[in-house]
Amino acid sequence: MSGLTATPQPSTERGPRRPRRHDPGRRDRLIDAALTVIAERGAAATTHREIARVADVPLGSMTYHFASLEEVLIEAFTRHADSVARLFDERLSAARDREAAVEAVIALVSDDLLGSQHDLVLAVELYVAAARNPALRAVVQAWMARSRQALERHFDATTARELDALIEGLVLHSALSTDPMTPEQLRHAIERYLR
């Protein structure tokens, strides 16, 4: 075997194996981290890397749990929409009559929808992203359907649909205006429509 040299074989010895980290809530943490990144940077600037950084997990966790960034955004915005829809359900389920339902709508707008800057930014980001992405438009449609369903406990279907649009308009107007409506003006607008 002159002229031939033996190729070194890779070592089969490995150091002690690190225990696998059991983290059953990682996927949920990633979705929550995505919501944080969206609220801070905007949906268009959200990346796998930023979400993983905020969740404090390895970047590979993103591709392990999600097929694409779009899937993460859909999951995150769906979670946000579900939480807002639950507020509608809770407020309107607690109302015993139409008068109480009117007060529930006023509280929903003034306290719940406009009470959290984080949630307000997420709502605006969802509307903007949905304008460009049909998959996110489906999230908005499902959210609106749930909102109208909650409103229909106390109002007919036409009124519920129009009221839902009024609520969204009041929220967007307040979120984007340099001179947002006061709680008294919000109350006046809702009462004027419903009474």
Protein backbone atom coordinates (compact mmCIF):
# COMPACT_ATOMS: atom_id res chain seq x y z
CA MET A 1 0.00 0.00 0.00
CA SER A 2 2.66 2.43 -0.87
CA GLY A 3 1.54 5.98 -1.58
CA LEU A 4 -1.81 5.52 0.15
CA THR A 5 -2.41 7.05 3.47
CA ALA A 6 -5.17 6.06 5.77
CA THR A 7 -7.97 8.60 6.09
CA PRO A 8 -8.46 9.52 9.71
CA GLN A 9 -11.79 8.32 11.02
CA PRO A 10 -13.93 10.71 13.03
CA SER A 11 -14.03 10.01 16.70
CA THR A 12 -17.12 8.19 17.83
CA GLU A 13 -16.60 9.30 21.38
CA ARG A 14 -18.86 12.09 22.52
CA GLY A 15 -18.91 14.06 25.67
CA PRO A 16 -21.73 13.62 28.11
CA ARG A 17 -25.07 14.35 26.50
CA ARG A 18 -26.82 17.42 27.77
CA PRO A 19 -30.25 16.69 29.17
CA ARG A 20 -33.03 17.81 26.89
CA ARG A 21 -34.87 20.80 28.15
CA HIS A 22 -38.53 19.99 28.70
CA ASP A 23 -40.42 23.09 27.70
CA PRO A 24 -44.04 22.24 26.86
CA GLY A 25 -45.09 25.91 26.88
CA ARG A 26 -42.50 27.06 24.37
CA ARG A 27 -44.89 27.36 21.42
CA ASP A 28 -47.25 29.53 23.49
CA ARG A 29 -44.33 31.66 24.65
CA LEU A 30 -43.30 32.17 21.05
CA ILE A 31 -46.80 33.35 20.15
CA ASP A 32 -46.81 35.76 23.10
CA ALA A 33 -43.34 36.95 22.11
CA ALA A 34 -44.61 37.54 18.56
CA LEU A 35 -47.37 39.77 19.96
CA THR A 36 -44.78 41.72 21.93
CA VAL A 37 -42.58 42.18 18.86
CA ILE A 38 -45.54 43.19 16.70
CA ALA A 39 -46.63 45.78 19.28
CA GLU A 40 -43.09 47.17 19.59
CA ARG A 41 -41.81 47.00 16.00
CA GLY A 42 -44.84 46.42 13.78
CA ALA A 43 -45.95 43.31 11.91
CA ALA A 44 -43.88 44.19 8.83
CA ALA A 45 -40.69 44.36 10.91
CA THR A 46 -41.34 41.17 12.86
CA THR A 47 -38.78 38.42 12.25
CA HIS A 48 -38.12 34.90 13.47
CA ARG A 49 -34.94 36.17 15.13
CA GLU A 50 -36.70 38.94 17.07
CA ILE A 51 -39.45 36.60 18.28
CA ALA A 52 -36.91 34.00 19.44
CA ARG A 53 -34.89 36.73 21.19
CA VAL A 54 -37.92 38.04 23.08
CA ALA A 55 -39.00 34.49 24.01
CA ASP A 56 -35.40 33.73 25.07
CA VAL A 57 -35.23 30.52 23.05
CA PRO A 58 -32.91 29.27 20.28
CA LEU A 59 -33.74 30.54 16.81
CA GLY A 60 -34.33 26.96 15.64
CA SER A 61 -37.37 26.79 17.90
CA MET A 62 -39.19 29.01 15.43
CA THR A 63 -38.87 26.62 12.51
CA TYR A 64 -39.52 23.65 14.79
CA HIS A 65 -42.88 25.03 15.93
CA PHE A 66 -43.98 27.00 12.86
CA ALA A 67 -43.77 26.35 9.13
CA SER A 68 -43.42 30.04 8.27
CA LEU A 69 -43.42 33.54 9.68
CA GLU A 70 -46.93 33.96 8.25
CA GLU A 71 -48.09 31.06 10.43
CA VAL A 72 -46.65 32.79 13.50
CA LEU A 73 -48.41 36.04 12.61
CA ILE A 74 -51.72 34.24 12.04
CA GLU A 75 -51.42 32.45 15.39
CA ALA A 76 -50.44 35.65 17.20
CA PHE A 77 -53.17 37.81 15.69
CA THR A 78 -55.73 35.04 16.25
CA ARG A 79 -54.77 34.97 19.93
CA HIS A 80 -55.19 38.74 20.13
CA ALA A 81 -58.55 38.65 18.32
CA ASP A 82 -59.76 35.83 20.57
CA SER A 83 -58.88 37.80 23.69
CA VAL A 84 -60.81 40.84 22.44
CA ALA A 85 -63.76 38.66 21.39
CA ARG A 86 -63.83 37.22 24.92
CA LEU A 87 -64.16 40.77 26.28
CA PHE A 88 -67.19 41.30 24.03
CA ASP A 89 -68.66 38.01 25.24
CA GLU A 90 -68.05 38.81 28.91
CA ARG A 91 -69.40 42.36 28.78
CA LEU A 92 -72.50 41.50 26.79
CA SER A 93 -73.24 38.25 28.63
CA ALA A 94 -73.32 40.16 31.89
CA ALA A 95 -75.86 42.69 30.56
CA ARG A 96 -79.37 41.81 31.68
CA ASP A 97 -81.29 44.15 29.35
CA ARG A 98 -80.83 46.60 26.51
CA GLU A 99 -79.92 49.51 28.80
CA ALA A 100 -77.24 47.41 30.46
CA ALA A 101 -76.06 46.32 27.01
CA VAL A 102 -75.62 49.96 25.96
CA GLU A 103 -73.54 50.56 29.09
CA ALA A 104 -71.55 47.40 28.33
CA VAL A 105 -70.72 48.69 24.84
CA ILE A 106 -69.63 52.05 26.25
CA ALA A 107 -67.39 50.33 28.82
CA LEU A 108 -66.06 47.98 26.17
CA VAL A 109 -64.91 50.88 24.00
CA SER A 110 -63.74 53.28 26.73
CA ASP A 111 -62.20 50.84 29.19
CA ASP A 112 -61.30 47.66 27.31
CA LEU A 113 -60.51 48.55 23.71
CA LEU A 114 -58.95 51.94 24.42
CA GLY A 115 -57.58 51.05 27.87
CA SER A 116 -54.42 49.28 26.70
CA GLN A 117 -51.96 50.92 24.33
CA HIS A 118 -50.43 47.49 23.65
CA ASP A 119 -53.77 46.03 22.55
CA LEU A 120 -54.64 49.14 20.57
CA VAL A 121 -51.40 48.91 18.60
CA LEU A 122 -52.03 45.21 17.95
CA ALA A 123 -55.51 45.97 16.60
CA VAL A 124 -54.16 48.62 14.24
CA GLU A 125 -51.32 46.33 13.14
CA LEU A 126 -53.81 43.56 12.44
CA TYR A 127 -55.97 45.83 10.26
CA VAL A 128 -52.93 47.02 8.29
CA ALA A 129 -51.50 43.52 7.85
CA ALA A 130 -54.93 42.14 6.88
CA ALA A 131 -55.23 44.75 4.13
CA ARG A 132 -52.33 43.00 2.39
CA ASN A 133 -52.71 39.39 3.49
CA PRO A 134 -55.85 37.32 2.80
CA ALA A 135 -54.98 34.84 5.57
CA LEU A 136 -54.98 37.67 8.10
CA ARG A 137 -58.15 39.08 6.56
CA ALA A 138 -59.77 35.77 7.55
CA VAL A 139 -58.64 36.40 11.15
CA VAL A 140 -60.32 39.82 11.07
CA GLN A 141 -63.50 38.33 9.55
CA ALA A 142 -63.69 35.69 12.29
CA TRP A 143 -63.13 38.37 14.92
CA MET A 144 -65.91 40.56 13.49
CA ALA A 145 -68.27 37.58 13.33
CA ARG A 146 -67.66 36.81 17.02
CA SER A 147 -68.12 40.47 17.97
CA ARG A 148 -71.41 40.66 16.08
CA GLN A 149 -72.56 37.39 17.65
CA ALA A 150 -71.96 38.85 21.12
CA LEU A 151 -73.79 42.06 20.17
CA GLU A 152 -76.71 40.07 18.78
CA ARG A 153 -77.56 38.95 22.32
CA HIS A 154 -79.14 42.38 22.74
CA PHE A 155 -79.44 43.93 19.28
CA ASP A 156 -80.86 42.72 15.98
CA ALA A 157 -78.38 41.48 13.34
CA THR A 158 -78.38 44.72 11.30
CA THR A 159 -77.86 46.88 14.38
CA ALA A 160 -75.14 44.53 15.64
CA ARG A 161 -73.23 44.77 12.36
CA GLU A 162 -73.51 48.55 12.21
CA LEU A 163 -72.63 48.88 15.89
CA ASP A 164 -69.56 46.68 15.39
CA ALA A 165 -68.44 48.99 12.57
CA LEU A 166 -69.08 52.03 14.78
CA ILE A 167 -67.01 50.49 17.58
CA GLU A 168 -64.12 49.75 15.20
CA GLY A 169 -64.32 53.26 13.79
CA LEU A 170 -64.33 54.86 17.23
CA VAL A 171 -61.35 52.75 18.29
CA LEU A 172 -59.33 53.49 15.13
CA HIS A 173 -60.21 57.18 15.30
CA SER A 174 -59.07 57.35 18.91
CA ALA A 175 -55.93 55.33 18.21
CA LEU A 176 -54.80 57.49 15.30
CA SER A 177 -56.11 60.94 16.17
CA THR A 178 -53.97 63.63 17.73
CA ASP A 179 -57.21 64.84 19.34
CA PRO A 180 -59.03 61.63 20.37
CA MET A 181 -62.59 61.67 21.59
CA THR A 182 -63.09 61.97 25.31
CA PRO A 183 -64.97 59.24 27.22
CA GLU A 184 -67.99 61.58 27.28
CA GLN A 185 -67.85 62.00 23.50
CA LEU A 186 -67.54 58.25 23.03
CA ARG A 187 -70.57 57.74 25.28
CA HIS A 188 -72.53 60.35 23.31
CA ALA A 189 -71.70 58.70 19.96
CA ILE A 190 -72.74 55.23 21.13
CA GLU A 191 -75.90 56.42 22.89
CA ARG A 192 -76.87 58.54 19.91
CA TYR A 193 -76.73 55.49 17.67
CA LEU A 194 -78.41 53.03 20.04
CA ARG A 195 -81.12 55.15 21.66
